mmCIF file of all heavy atoms, coordinates in Angstrom:
data_MODEL
# 
_entry.id   MODEL 
# 
loop_
_atom_site.group_PDB 
_atom_site.id 
_atom_site.type_symbol 
_atom_site.label_atom_id 
_atom_site.label_alt_id 
_atom_site.label_comp_id 
_atom_site.label_asym_id 
_atom_site.label_entity_id 
_atom_site.label_seq_id 
_atom_site.pdbx_PDB_ins_code 
_atom_site.Cartn_x 
_atom_site.Cartn_y 
_atom_site.Cartn_z 
_atom_site.occupancy 
_atom_site.B_iso_or_equiv 
_atom_site.pdbx_formal_charge 
_atom_site.auth_seq_id 
_atom_site.auth_comp_id 
_atom_site.auth_asym_id 
_atom_site.auth_atom_id 
_atom_site.pdbx_PDB_model_num 
ATOM 1   N N   . LEU A 1 1  ? 0.912   5.585   -4.796  1.00 0.00 ? 1  LEU A N   1 
ATOM 2   C CA  . LEU A 1 1  ? 2.002   6.176   -5.486  1.00 0.00 ? 1  LEU A CA  1 
ATOM 3   C C   . LEU A 1 1  ? 2.065   5.665   -6.938  1.00 0.00 ? 1  LEU A C   1 
ATOM 4   O O   . LEU A 1 1  ? 2.281   6.444   -7.878  1.00 0.00 ? 1  LEU A O   1 
ATOM 5   C CB  . LEU A 1 1  ? 3.325   5.824   -4.766  1.00 0.00 ? 1  LEU A CB  1 
ATOM 6   C CG  . LEU A 1 1  ? 3.657   6.677   -3.505  1.00 0.00 ? 1  LEU A CG  1 
ATOM 7   C CD1 . LEU A 1 1  ? 4.842   6.076   -2.650  1.00 0.00 ? 1  LEU A CD1 1 
ATOM 8   C CD2 . LEU A 1 1  ? 3.940   8.103   -3.844  1.00 0.00 ? 1  LEU A CD2 1 
ATOM 9   N N   . ALA A 1 2  ? 1.795   4.389   -7.143  1.00 0.00 ? 2  ALA A N   1 
ATOM 10  C CA  . ALA A 1 2  ? 1.865   3.844   -8.570  1.00 0.00 ? 2  ALA A CA  1 
ATOM 11  C C   . ALA A 1 2  ? 0.731   4.294   -9.314  1.00 0.00 ? 2  ALA A C   1 
ATOM 12  O O   . ALA A 1 2  ? 0.957   4.457   -10.562 1.00 0.00 ? 2  ALA A O   1 
ATOM 13  C CB  . ALA A 1 2  ? 1.845   2.296   -8.394  1.00 0.00 ? 2  ALA A CB  1 
ATOM 14  N N   . VAL A 1 3  ? -0.421  4.490   -8.762  1.00 0.00 ? 3  VAL A N   1 
ATOM 15  C CA  . VAL A 1 3  ? -1.619  4.884   -9.556  1.00 0.00 ? 3  VAL A CA  1 
ATOM 16  C C   . VAL A 1 3  ? -1.793  6.357   -9.755  1.00 0.00 ? 3  VAL A C   1 
ATOM 17  O O   . VAL A 1 3  ? -2.606  6.853   -10.454 1.00 0.00 ? 3  VAL A O   1 
ATOM 18  C CB  . VAL A 1 3  ? -2.959  4.271   -8.997  1.00 0.00 ? 3  VAL A CB  1 
ATOM 19  C CG1 . VAL A 1 3  ? -2.859  2.794   -8.872  1.00 0.00 ? 3  VAL A CG1 1 
ATOM 20  C CG2 . VAL A 1 3  ? -3.296  4.891   -7.701  1.00 0.00 ? 3  VAL A CG2 1 
ATOM 21  N N   . ALA A 1 4  ? -0.878  7.103   -9.069  1.00 0.00 ? 4  ALA A N   1 
ATOM 22  C CA  . ALA A 1 4  ? -1.049  8.604   -9.134  1.00 0.00 ? 4  ALA A CA  1 
ATOM 23  C C   . ALA A 1 4  ? -0.682  9.198   -10.488 1.00 0.00 ? 4  ALA A C   1 
ATOM 24  O O   . ALA A 1 4  ? -1.054  10.299  -10.784 1.00 0.00 ? 4  ALA A O   1 
ATOM 25  C CB  . ALA A 1 4  ? -0.076  9.215   -8.054  1.00 0.00 ? 4  ALA A CB  1 
ATOM 26  N N   . THR A 1 5  ? 0.138   8.471   -11.238 1.00 0.00 ? 5  THR A N   1 
ATOM 27  C CA  . THR A 1 5  ? 0.548   9.020   -12.559 1.00 0.00 ? 5  THR A CA  1 
ATOM 28  C C   . THR A 1 5  ? -0.613  8.859   -13.589 1.00 0.00 ? 5  THR A C   1 
ATOM 29  O O   . THR A 1 5  ? -1.583  8.114   -13.381 1.00 0.00 ? 5  THR A O   1 
ATOM 30  C CB  . THR A 1 5  ? 1.757   8.156   -13.114 1.00 0.00 ? 5  THR A CB  1 
ATOM 31  O OG1 . THR A 1 5  ? 1.389   6.810   -13.160 1.00 0.00 ? 5  THR A OG1 1 
ATOM 32  C CG2 . THR A 1 5  ? 2.949   8.460   -12.258 1.00 0.00 ? 5  THR A CG2 1 
ATOM 33  N N   . ARG A 1 6  ? -0.438  9.528   -14.766 1.00 0.00 ? 6  ARG A N   1 
ATOM 34  C CA  . ARG A 1 6  ? -1.531  9.388   -15.736 1.00 0.00 ? 6  ARG A CA  1 
ATOM 35  C C   . ARG A 1 6  ? -1.524  8.097   -16.372 1.00 0.00 ? 6  ARG A C   1 
ATOM 36  O O   . ARG A 1 6  ? -2.650  7.712   -16.889 1.00 0.00 ? 6  ARG A O   1 
ATOM 37  C CB  . ARG A 1 6  ? -1.302  10.507  -16.812 1.00 0.00 ? 6  ARG A CB  1 
ATOM 38  C CG  . ARG A 1 6  ? -1.253  11.963  -16.236 1.00 0.00 ? 6  ARG A CG  1 
ATOM 39  C CD  . ARG A 1 6  ? -1.225  12.914  -17.389 1.00 0.00 ? 6  ARG A CD  1 
ATOM 40  N NE  . ARG A 1 6  ? -0.962  14.295  -16.874 1.00 0.00 ? 6  ARG A NE  1 
ATOM 41  C CZ  . ARG A 1 6  ? -0.897  15.415  -17.679 1.00 0.00 ? 6  ARG A CZ  1 
ATOM 42  N NH1 . ARG A 1 6  ? -1.037  15.321  -18.946 1.00 0.00 ? 6  ARG A NH1 1 
ATOM 43  N NH2 . ARG A 1 6  ? -0.660  16.567  -17.073 1.00 0.00 ? 6  ARG A NH2 1 
ATOM 44  N N   . TYR A 1 7  ? -0.439  7.310   -16.439 1.00 0.00 ? 7  TYR A N   1 
ATOM 45  C CA  . TYR A 1 7  ? -0.527  5.958   -17.038 1.00 0.00 ? 7  TYR A CA  1 
ATOM 46  C C   . TYR A 1 7  ? 0.398   5.150   -16.218 1.00 0.00 ? 7  TYR A C   1 
ATOM 47  O O   . TYR A 1 7  ? 1.466   5.653   -15.613 1.00 0.00 ? 7  TYR A O   1 
ATOM 48  C CB  . TYR A 1 7  ? -0.099  6.042   -18.554 1.00 0.00 ? 7  TYR A CB  1 
ATOM 49  C CG  . TYR A 1 7  ? -0.511  4.859   -19.319 1.00 0.00 ? 7  TYR A CG  1 
ATOM 50  C CD1 . TYR A 1 7  ? -1.803  4.869   -19.906 1.00 0.00 ? 7  TYR A CD1 1 
ATOM 51  C CD2 . TYR A 1 7  ? 0.207   3.696   -19.415 1.00 0.00 ? 7  TYR A CD2 1 
ATOM 52  C CE1 . TYR A 1 7  ? -2.283  3.851   -20.619 1.00 0.00 ? 7  TYR A CE1 1 
ATOM 53  C CE2 . TYR A 1 7  ? -0.187  2.629   -20.183 1.00 0.00 ? 7  TYR A CE2 1 
ATOM 54  C CZ  . TYR A 1 7  ? -1.431  2.672   -20.793 1.00 0.00 ? 7  TYR A CZ  1 
ATOM 55  O OH  . TYR A 1 7  ? -1.910  1.574   -21.531 1.00 0.00 ? 7  TYR A OH  1 
ATOM 56  N N   . SER A 1 8  ? 0.205   3.896   -16.133 1.00 0.00 ? 8  SER A N   1 
ATOM 57  C CA  . SER A 1 8  ? 1.025   2.976   -15.225 1.00 0.00 ? 8  SER A CA  1 
ATOM 58  C C   . SER A 1 8  ? 1.288   1.674   -15.945 1.00 0.00 ? 8  SER A C   1 
ATOM 59  O O   . SER A 1 8  ? 0.513   1.166   -16.682 1.00 0.00 ? 8  SER A O   1 
ATOM 60  C CB  . SER A 1 8  ? 0.278   2.726   -13.889 1.00 0.00 ? 8  SER A CB  1 
ATOM 61  O OG  . SER A 1 8  ? -1.005  2.237   -14.175 1.00 0.00 ? 8  SER A OG  1 
ATOM 62  N N   . PHE A 1 9  ? 2.506   1.137   -15.649 1.00 0.00 ? 9  PHE A N   1 
ATOM 63  C CA  . PHE A 1 9  ? 2.933   -0.236  -16.090 1.00 0.00 ? 9  PHE A CA  1 
ATOM 64  C C   . PHE A 1 9  ? 3.350   -1.007  -14.874 1.00 0.00 ? 9  PHE A C   1 
ATOM 65  O O   . PHE A 1 9  ? 3.751   -0.548  -13.851 1.00 0.00 ? 9  PHE A O   1 
ATOM 66  C CB  . PHE A 1 9  ? 4.096   -0.118  -17.066 1.00 0.00 ? 9  PHE A CB  1 
ATOM 67  C CG  . PHE A 1 9  ? 3.730   0.467   -18.462 1.00 0.00 ? 9  PHE A CG  1 
ATOM 68  C CD1 . PHE A 1 9  ? 3.712   1.796   -18.587 1.00 0.00 ? 9  PHE A CD1 1 
ATOM 69  C CD2 . PHE A 1 9  ? 3.451   -0.305  -19.467 1.00 0.00 ? 9  PHE A CD2 1 
ATOM 70  C CE1 . PHE A 1 9  ? 3.394   2.403   -19.813 1.00 0.00 ? 9  PHE A CE1 1 
ATOM 71  C CE2 . PHE A 1 9  ? 3.183   0.151   -20.759 1.00 0.00 ? 9  PHE A CE2 1 
ATOM 72  C CZ  . PHE A 1 9  ? 3.168   1.558   -20.855 1.00 0.00 ? 9  PHE A CZ  1 
ATOM 73  N N   . ILE A 1 10 ? 3.323   -2.336  -15.087 1.00 0.00 ? 10 ILE A N   1 
ATOM 74  C CA  . ILE A 1 10 ? 3.877   -3.327  -14.088 1.00 0.00 ? 10 ILE A CA  1 
ATOM 75  C C   . ILE A 1 10 ? 4.533   -4.454  -14.845 1.00 0.00 ? 10 ILE A C   1 
ATOM 76  O O   . ILE A 1 10 ? 4.003   -4.911  -15.883 1.00 0.00 ? 10 ILE A O   1 
ATOM 77  C CB  . ILE A 1 10 ? 2.803   -3.831  -13.162 1.00 0.00 ? 10 ILE A CB  1 
ATOM 78  C CG1 . ILE A 1 10 ? 3.409   -4.746  -12.077 1.00 0.00 ? 10 ILE A CG1 1 
ATOM 79  C CG2 . ILE A 1 10 ? 1.677   -4.627  -13.892 1.00 0.00 ? 10 ILE A CG2 1 
ATOM 80  C CD1 . ILE A 1 10 ? 2.455   -5.092  -10.943 1.00 0.00 ? 10 ILE A CD1 1 
ATOM 81  N N   . VAL A 1 11 ? 5.813   -4.817  -14.429 1.00 0.00 ? 11 VAL A N   1 
ATOM 82  C CA  . VAL A 1 11 ? 6.400   -5.952  -15.101 1.00 0.00 ? 11 VAL A CA  1 
ATOM 83  C C   . VAL A 1 11 ? 5.697   -7.296  -14.613 1.00 0.00 ? 11 VAL A C   1 
ATOM 84  O O   . VAL A 1 11 ? 5.133   -7.309  -13.616 1.00 0.00 ? 11 VAL A O   1 
ATOM 85  C CB  . VAL A 1 11 ? 7.919   -5.986  -14.833 1.00 0.00 ? 11 VAL A CB  1 
ATOM 86  C CG1 . VAL A 1 11 ? 8.628   -4.803  -15.355 1.00 0.00 ? 11 VAL A CG1 1 
ATOM 87  C CG2 . VAL A 1 11 ? 8.148   -6.147  -13.297 1.00 0.00 ? 11 VAL A CG2 1 
ATOM 88  N N   . PRO A 1 12 ? 5.856   -8.383  -15.436 1.00 0.00 ? 12 PRO A N   1 
ATOM 89  C CA  . PRO A 1 12 ? 4.994   -9.585  -15.110 1.00 0.00 ? 12 PRO A CA  1 
ATOM 90  C C   . PRO A 1 12 ? 5.351   -10.109 -13.690 1.00 0.00 ? 12 PRO A C   1 
ATOM 91  O O   . PRO A 1 12 ? 4.373   -10.739 -13.146 1.00 0.00 ? 12 PRO A O   1 
ATOM 92  C CB  . PRO A 1 12 ? 5.493   -10.572 -16.215 1.00 0.00 ? 12 PRO A CB  1 
ATOM 93  C CG  . PRO A 1 12 ? 5.861   -9.677  -17.331 1.00 0.00 ? 12 PRO A CG  1 
ATOM 94  C CD  . PRO A 1 12 ? 6.522   -8.525  -16.705 1.00 0.00 ? 12 PRO A CD  1 
ATOM 95  N N   . SER A 1 13 ? 6.598   -10.042 -13.187 1.00 0.00 ? 13 SER A N   1 
ATOM 96  C CA  . SER A 1 13 ? 6.801   -10.639 -11.900 1.00 0.00 ? 13 SER A CA  1 
ATOM 97  C C   . SER A 1 13 ? 6.655   -9.756  -10.716 1.00 0.00 ? 13 SER A C   1 
ATOM 98  O O   . SER A 1 13 ? 6.806   -10.137 -9.556  1.00 0.00 ? 13 SER A O   1 
ATOM 99  C CB  . SER A 1 13 ? 8.351   -11.200 -11.909 1.00 0.00 ? 13 SER A CB  1 
ATOM 100 O OG  . SER A 1 13 ? 9.257   -10.059 -12.070 1.00 0.00 ? 13 SER A OG  1 
ATOM 101 N N   . ALA A 1 14 ? 6.355   -8.506  -10.916 1.00 0.00 ? 14 ALA A N   1 
ATOM 102 C CA  . ALA A 1 14 ? 6.192   -7.525  -9.884  1.00 0.00 ? 14 ALA A CA  1 
ATOM 103 C C   . ALA A 1 14 ? 4.985   -7.731  -9.114  1.00 0.00 ? 14 ALA A C   1 
ATOM 104 O O   . ALA A 1 14 ? 3.979   -8.304  -9.595  1.00 0.00 ? 14 ALA A O   1 
ATOM 105 C CB  . ALA A 1 14 ? 6.220   -6.089  -10.342 1.00 0.00 ? 14 ALA A CB  1 
ATOM 106 N N   . THR A 1 15 ? 4.844   -7.223  -7.837  1.00 0.00 ? 15 THR A N   1 
ATOM 107 C CA  . THR A 1 15 ? 3.680   -7.459  -6.978  1.00 0.00 ? 15 THR A CA  1 
ATOM 108 C C   . THR A 1 15 ? 3.127   -6.171  -6.409  1.00 0.00 ? 15 THR A C   1 
ATOM 109 O O   . THR A 1 15 ? 3.923   -5.224  -6.239  1.00 0.00 ? 15 THR A O   1 
ATOM 110 C CB  . THR A 1 15 ? 3.997   -8.484  -5.796  1.00 0.00 ? 15 THR A CB  1 
ATOM 111 O OG1 . THR A 1 15 ? 4.987   -7.846  -4.983  1.00 0.00 ? 15 THR A OG1 1 
ATOM 112 C CG2 . THR A 1 15 ? 4.453   -9.787  -6.333  1.00 0.00 ? 15 THR A CG2 1 
ATOM 113 N N   . MET A 1 16 ? 1.787   -6.098  -6.098  1.00 0.00 ? 16 MET A N   1 
ATOM 114 C CA  . MET A 1 16 ? 1.316   -5.067  -5.306  1.00 0.00 ? 16 MET A CA  1 
ATOM 115 C C   . MET A 1 16 ? 0.519   -5.761  -4.135  1.00 0.00 ? 16 MET A C   1 
ATOM 116 O O   . MET A 1 16 ? -0.066  -6.776  -4.377  1.00 0.00 ? 16 MET A O   1 
ATOM 117 C CB  . MET A 1 16 ? 0.305   -4.277  -6.159  1.00 0.00 ? 16 MET A CB  1 
ATOM 118 C CG  . MET A 1 16 ? 0.922   -3.658  -7.480  1.00 0.00 ? 16 MET A CG  1 
ATOM 119 S SD  . MET A 1 16 ? -0.268  -2.654  -8.365  1.00 0.00 ? 16 MET A SD  1 
ATOM 120 C CE  . MET A 1 16 ? -0.305  -1.181  -7.395  1.00 0.00 ? 16 MET A CE  1 
ATOM 121 N N   . ILE A 1 17 ? 0.585   -5.095  -2.985  1.00 0.00 ? 17 ILE A N   1 
ATOM 122 C CA  . ILE A 1 17 ? -0.144  -5.637  -1.801  1.00 0.00 ? 17 ILE A CA  1 
ATOM 123 C C   . ILE A 1 17 ? -1.039  -4.566  -1.269  1.00 0.00 ? 17 ILE A C   1 
ATOM 124 O O   . ILE A 1 17 ? -0.606  -3.461  -0.948  1.00 0.00 ? 17 ILE A O   1 
ATOM 125 C CB  . ILE A 1 17 ? 0.821   -6.129  -0.709  1.00 0.00 ? 17 ILE A CB  1 
ATOM 126 C CG1 . ILE A 1 17 ? 1.680   -7.311  -1.195  1.00 0.00 ? 17 ILE A CG1 1 
ATOM 127 C CG2 . ILE A 1 17 ? 0.081   -6.452  0.542   1.00 0.00 ? 17 ILE A CG2 1 
ATOM 128 C CD1 . ILE A 1 17 ? 2.538   -7.902  -0.090  1.00 0.00 ? 17 ILE A CD1 1 
ATOM 129 N N   . MET A 1 18 ? -2.341  -4.926  -1.091  1.00 0.00 ? 18 MET A N   1 
ATOM 130 C CA  . MET A 1 18 ? -3.323  -4.010  -0.566  1.00 0.00 ? 18 MET A CA  1 
ATOM 131 C C   . MET A 1 18 ? -3.606  -4.669  0.840   1.00 0.00 ? 18 MET A C   1 
ATOM 132 O O   . MET A 1 18 ? -3.870  -5.786  0.969   1.00 0.00 ? 18 MET A O   1 
ATOM 133 C CB  . MET A 1 18 ? -4.611  -4.061  -1.376  1.00 0.00 ? 18 MET A CB  1 
ATOM 134 C CG  . MET A 1 18 ? -4.555  -3.334  -2.708  1.00 0.00 ? 18 MET A CG  1 
ATOM 135 S SD  . MET A 1 18 ? -4.525  -1.582  -2.514  1.00 0.00 ? 18 MET A SD  1 
ATOM 136 C CE  . MET A 1 18 ? -6.076  -1.331  -1.684  1.00 0.00 ? 18 MET A CE  1 
ATOM 137 N N   . HIS A 1 19 ? -3.526  -3.837  1.899   1.00 0.00 ? 19 HIS A N   1 
ATOM 138 C CA  . HIS A 1 19 ? -3.859  -4.304  3.261   1.00 0.00 ? 19 HIS A CA  1 
ATOM 139 C C   . HIS A 1 19 ? -4.303  -3.123  4.085   1.00 0.00 ? 19 HIS A C   1 
ATOM 140 O O   . HIS A 1 19 ? -4.031  -1.938  3.726   1.00 0.00 ? 19 HIS A O   1 
ATOM 141 C CB  . HIS A 1 19 ? -2.604  -4.929  3.937   1.00 0.00 ? 19 HIS A CB  1 
ATOM 142 C CG  . HIS A 1 19 ? -1.463  -4.008  4.212   1.00 0.00 ? 19 HIS A CG  1 
ATOM 143 N ND1 . HIS A 1 19 ? -1.458  -3.085  5.075   1.00 0.00 ? 19 HIS A ND1 1 
ATOM 144 C CD2 . HIS A 1 19 ? -0.192  -3.980  3.590   1.00 0.00 ? 19 HIS A CD2 1 
ATOM 145 C CE1 . HIS A 1 19 ? -0.317  -2.450  5.153   1.00 0.00 ? 19 HIS A CE1 1 
ATOM 146 N NE2 . HIS A 1 19 ? 0.467   -2.956  4.261   1.00 0.00 ? 19 HIS A NE2 1 
ATOM 147 N N   . PRO A 1 20 ? -4.988  -3.370  5.134   1.00 0.00 ? 20 PRO A N   1 
ATOM 148 C CA  . PRO A 1 20 ? -5.480  -2.262  6.001   1.00 0.00 ? 20 PRO A CA  1 
ATOM 149 C C   . PRO A 1 20 ? -4.353  -1.445  6.644   1.00 0.00 ? 20 PRO A C   1 
ATOM 150 O O   . PRO A 1 20 ? -3.234  -1.850  6.718   1.00 0.00 ? 20 PRO A O   1 
ATOM 151 C CB  . PRO A 1 20 ? -6.312  -2.957  7.121   1.00 0.00 ? 20 PRO A CB  1 
ATOM 152 C CG  . PRO A 1 20 ? -6.522  -4.338  6.626   1.00 0.00 ? 20 PRO A CG  1 
ATOM 153 C CD  . PRO A 1 20 ? -5.382  -4.673  5.749   1.00 0.00 ? 20 PRO A CD  1 
ATOM 154 N N   . VAL A 1 21 ? -4.698  -0.234  7.054   1.00 0.00 ? 21 VAL A N   1 
ATOM 155 C CA  . VAL A 1 21 ? -3.774  0.560   7.777   1.00 0.00 ? 21 VAL A CA  1 
ATOM 156 C C   . VAL A 1 21 ? -3.376  -0.050  9.121   1.00 0.00 ? 21 VAL A C   1 
ATOM 157 O O   . VAL A 1 21 ? -4.262  -0.562  9.850   1.00 0.00 ? 21 VAL A O   1 
ATOM 158 C CB  . VAL A 1 21 ? -4.394  2.002   8.049   1.00 0.00 ? 21 VAL A CB  1 
ATOM 159 C CG1 . VAL A 1 21 ? -3.419  2.865   8.867   1.00 0.00 ? 21 VAL A CG1 1 
ATOM 160 C CG2 . VAL A 1 21 ? -4.718  2.737   6.709   1.00 0.00 ? 21 VAL A CG2 1 
ATOM 161 N N   . ARG A 1 22 ? -2.097  0.034   9.415   1.00 0.00 ? 22 ARG A N   1 
ATOM 162 C CA  . ARG A 1 22 ? -1.604  -0.629  10.661  1.00 0.00 ? 22 ARG A CA  1 
ATOM 163 C C   . ARG A 1 22 ? -0.667  0.309   11.460  1.00 0.00 ? 22 ARG A C   1 
ATOM 164 O O   . ARG A 1 22 ? -0.221  1.306   10.925  1.00 0.00 ? 22 ARG A O   1 
ATOM 165 C CB  . ARG A 1 22 ? -0.805  -1.931  10.301  1.00 0.00 ? 22 ARG A CB  1 
ATOM 166 C CG  . ARG A 1 22 ? -1.554  -2.929  9.557   1.00 0.00 ? 22 ARG A CG  1 
ATOM 167 C CD  . ARG A 1 22 ? -0.655  -4.031  9.087   1.00 0.00 ? 22 ARG A CD  1 
ATOM 168 N NE  . ARG A 1 22 ? 0.415   -3.663  8.237   1.00 0.00 ? 22 ARG A NE  1 
ATOM 169 C CZ  . ARG A 1 22 ? 1.065   -4.572  7.412   1.00 0.00 ? 22 ARG A CZ  1 
ATOM 170 N NH1 . ARG A 1 22 ? 0.739   -5.696  7.369   1.00 0.00 ? 22 ARG A NH1 1 
ATOM 171 N NH2 . ARG A 1 22 ? 2.056   -4.079  6.679   1.00 0.00 ? 22 ARG A NH2 1 
ATOM 172 N N   . MET A 1 23 ? -0.465  -0.077  12.797  1.00 0.00 ? 23 MET A N   1 
ATOM 173 C CA  . MET A 1 23 ? 0.375   0.752   13.558  1.00 0.00 ? 23 MET A CA  1 
ATOM 174 C C   . MET A 1 23 ? 1.068   -0.228  14.608  1.00 0.00 ? 23 MET A C   1 
ATOM 175 O O   . MET A 1 23 ? 0.528   -1.284  14.926  1.00 0.00 ? 23 MET A O   1 
ATOM 176 C CB  . MET A 1 23 ? -0.300  1.886   14.282  1.00 0.00 ? 23 MET A CB  1 
ATOM 177 C CG  . MET A 1 23 ? -1.138  1.475   15.405  1.00 0.00 ? 23 MET A CG  1 
ATOM 178 S SD  . MET A 1 23 ? -1.764  2.934   16.429  1.00 0.00 ? 23 MET A SD  1 
ATOM 179 C CE  . MET A 1 23 ? -0.282  3.382   17.157  1.00 0.00 ? 23 MET A CE  1 
ATOM 180 N N   . ASN A 1 24 ? 2.224   0.255   15.064  1.00 0.00 ? 24 ASN A N   1 
ATOM 181 C CA  . ASN A 1 24 ? 2.936   -0.460  16.078  1.00 0.00 ? 24 ASN A CA  1 
ATOM 182 C C   . ASN A 1 24 ? 2.846   0.287   17.440  1.00 0.00 ? 24 ASN A C   1 
ATOM 183 O O   . ASN A 1 24 ? 2.685   1.469   17.459  1.00 0.00 ? 24 ASN A O   1 
ATOM 184 C CB  . ASN A 1 24 ? 4.385   -0.667  15.749  1.00 0.00 ? 24 ASN A CB  1 
ATOM 185 C CG  . ASN A 1 24 ? 4.600   -1.553  14.504  1.00 0.00 ? 24 ASN A CG  1 
ATOM 186 O OD1 . ASN A 1 24 ? 3.881   -2.465  14.286  1.00 0.00 ? 24 ASN A OD1 1 
ATOM 187 N ND2 . ASN A 1 24 ? 5.526   -1.125  13.667  1.00 0.00 ? 24 ASN A ND2 1 
ATOM 188 N N   . GLY A 1 25 ? 3.046   -0.484  18.604  1.00 0.00 ? 25 GLY A N   1 
ATOM 189 C CA  . GLY A 1 25 ? 3.091   0.256   19.870  1.00 0.00 ? 25 GLY A CA  1 
ATOM 190 C C   . GLY A 1 25 ? 1.659   0.245   20.558  1.00 0.00 ? 25 GLY A C   1 
ATOM 191 O O   . GLY A 1 25 ? 0.708   -0.342  20.178  1.00 0.00 ? 25 GLY A O   1 
ATOM 192 N N   . MET A 1 26 ? 1.701   0.899   21.697  1.00 0.00 ? 26 MET A N   1 
ATOM 193 C CA  . MET A 1 26 ? 0.554   0.910   22.590  1.00 0.00 ? 26 MET A CA  1 
ATOM 194 C C   . MET A 1 26 ? -0.526  1.786   21.995  1.00 0.00 ? 26 MET A C   1 
ATOM 195 O O   . MET A 1 26 ? -0.274  2.832   21.378  1.00 0.00 ? 26 MET A O   1 
ATOM 196 C CB  . MET A 1 26 ? 0.946   1.494   23.952  1.00 0.00 ? 26 MET A CB  1 
ATOM 197 C CG  . MET A 1 26 ? -0.216  1.501   24.960  1.00 0.00 ? 26 MET A CG  1 
ATOM 198 S SD  . MET A 1 26 ? 0.366   2.177   26.558  1.00 0.00 ? 26 MET A SD  1 
ATOM 199 C CE  . MET A 1 26 ? 1.477   0.923   27.100  1.00 0.00 ? 26 MET A CE  1 
ATOM 200 N N   . VAL A 1 27 ? -1.802  1.346   22.097  1.00 0.00 ? 27 VAL A N   1 
ATOM 201 C CA  . VAL A 1 27 ? -2.864  2.079   21.667  1.00 0.00 ? 27 VAL A CA  1 
ATOM 202 C C   . VAL A 1 27 ? -3.728  2.520   22.918  1.00 0.00 ? 27 VAL A C   1 
ATOM 203 O O   . VAL A 1 27 ? -4.161  1.748   23.715  1.00 0.00 ? 27 VAL A O   1 
ATOM 204 C CB  . VAL A 1 27 ? -3.825  1.161   20.743  1.00 0.00 ? 27 VAL A CB  1 
ATOM 205 C CG1 . VAL A 1 27 ? -5.034  1.946   20.371  1.00 0.00 ? 27 VAL A CG1 1 
ATOM 206 C CG2 . VAL A 1 27 ? -3.082  0.851   19.534  1.00 0.00 ? 27 VAL A CG2 1 
ATOM 207 N N   . LEU A 1 28 ? -4.010  3.859   22.950  1.00 0.00 ? 28 LEU A N   1 
ATOM 208 C CA  . LEU A 1 28 ? -4.794  4.385   24.062  1.00 0.00 ? 28 LEU A CA  1 
ATOM 209 C C   . LEU A 1 28 ? -6.147  4.985   23.444  1.00 0.00 ? 28 LEU A C   1 
ATOM 210 O O   . LEU A 1 28 ? -6.069  5.658   22.405  1.00 0.00 ? 28 LEU A O   1 
ATOM 211 C CB  . LEU A 1 28 ? -4.071  5.534   24.792  1.00 0.00 ? 28 LEU A CB  1 
ATOM 212 C CG  . LEU A 1 28 ? -2.820  5.224   25.564  1.00 0.00 ? 28 LEU A CG  1 
ATOM 213 C CD1 . LEU A 1 28 ? -2.184  6.401   26.132  1.00 0.00 ? 28 LEU A CD1 1 
ATOM 214 C CD2 . LEU A 1 28 ? -3.110  4.094   26.494  1.00 0.00 ? 28 LEU A CD2 1 
ATOM 215 N N   . GLY A 1 29 ? -7.238  4.701   24.033  1.00 0.00 ? 29 GLY A N   1 
ATOM 216 C CA  . GLY A 1 29 ? -8.513  5.135   23.424  1.00 0.00 ? 29 GLY A CA  1 
ATOM 217 C C   . GLY A 1 29 ? -8.870  4.379   22.223  1.00 0.00 ? 29 GLY A C   1 
ATOM 218 O O   . GLY A 1 29 ? -8.823  4.934   21.103  1.00 0.00 ? 29 GLY A O   1 
ATOM 219 N N   . THR A 1 30 ? -9.250  3.095   22.320  1.00 0.00 ? 30 THR A N   1 
ATOM 220 C CA  . THR A 1 30 ? -9.505  2.161   21.177  1.00 0.00 ? 30 THR A CA  1 
ATOM 221 C C   . THR A 1 30 ? -10.527 2.737   20.243  1.00 0.00 ? 30 THR A C   1 
ATOM 222 O O   . THR A 1 30 ? -10.276 2.783   19.020  1.00 0.00 ? 30 THR A O   1 
ATOM 223 C CB  . THR A 1 30 ? -9.811  0.797   21.629  1.00 0.00 ? 30 THR A CB  1 
ATOM 224 O OG1 . THR A 1 30 ? -8.815  0.322   22.560  1.00 0.00 ? 30 THR A OG1 1 
ATOM 225 C CG2 . THR A 1 30 ? -9.952  -0.171  20.500  1.00 0.00 ? 30 THR A CG2 1 
# 
């Protein structure tokens, strides 16, 4: 969402977190 614009800014104290896709609950067919 942040990189979708034509130009982007971030304030010095702000953070971004990159992590893998996750889900909650039971998983069938691993």
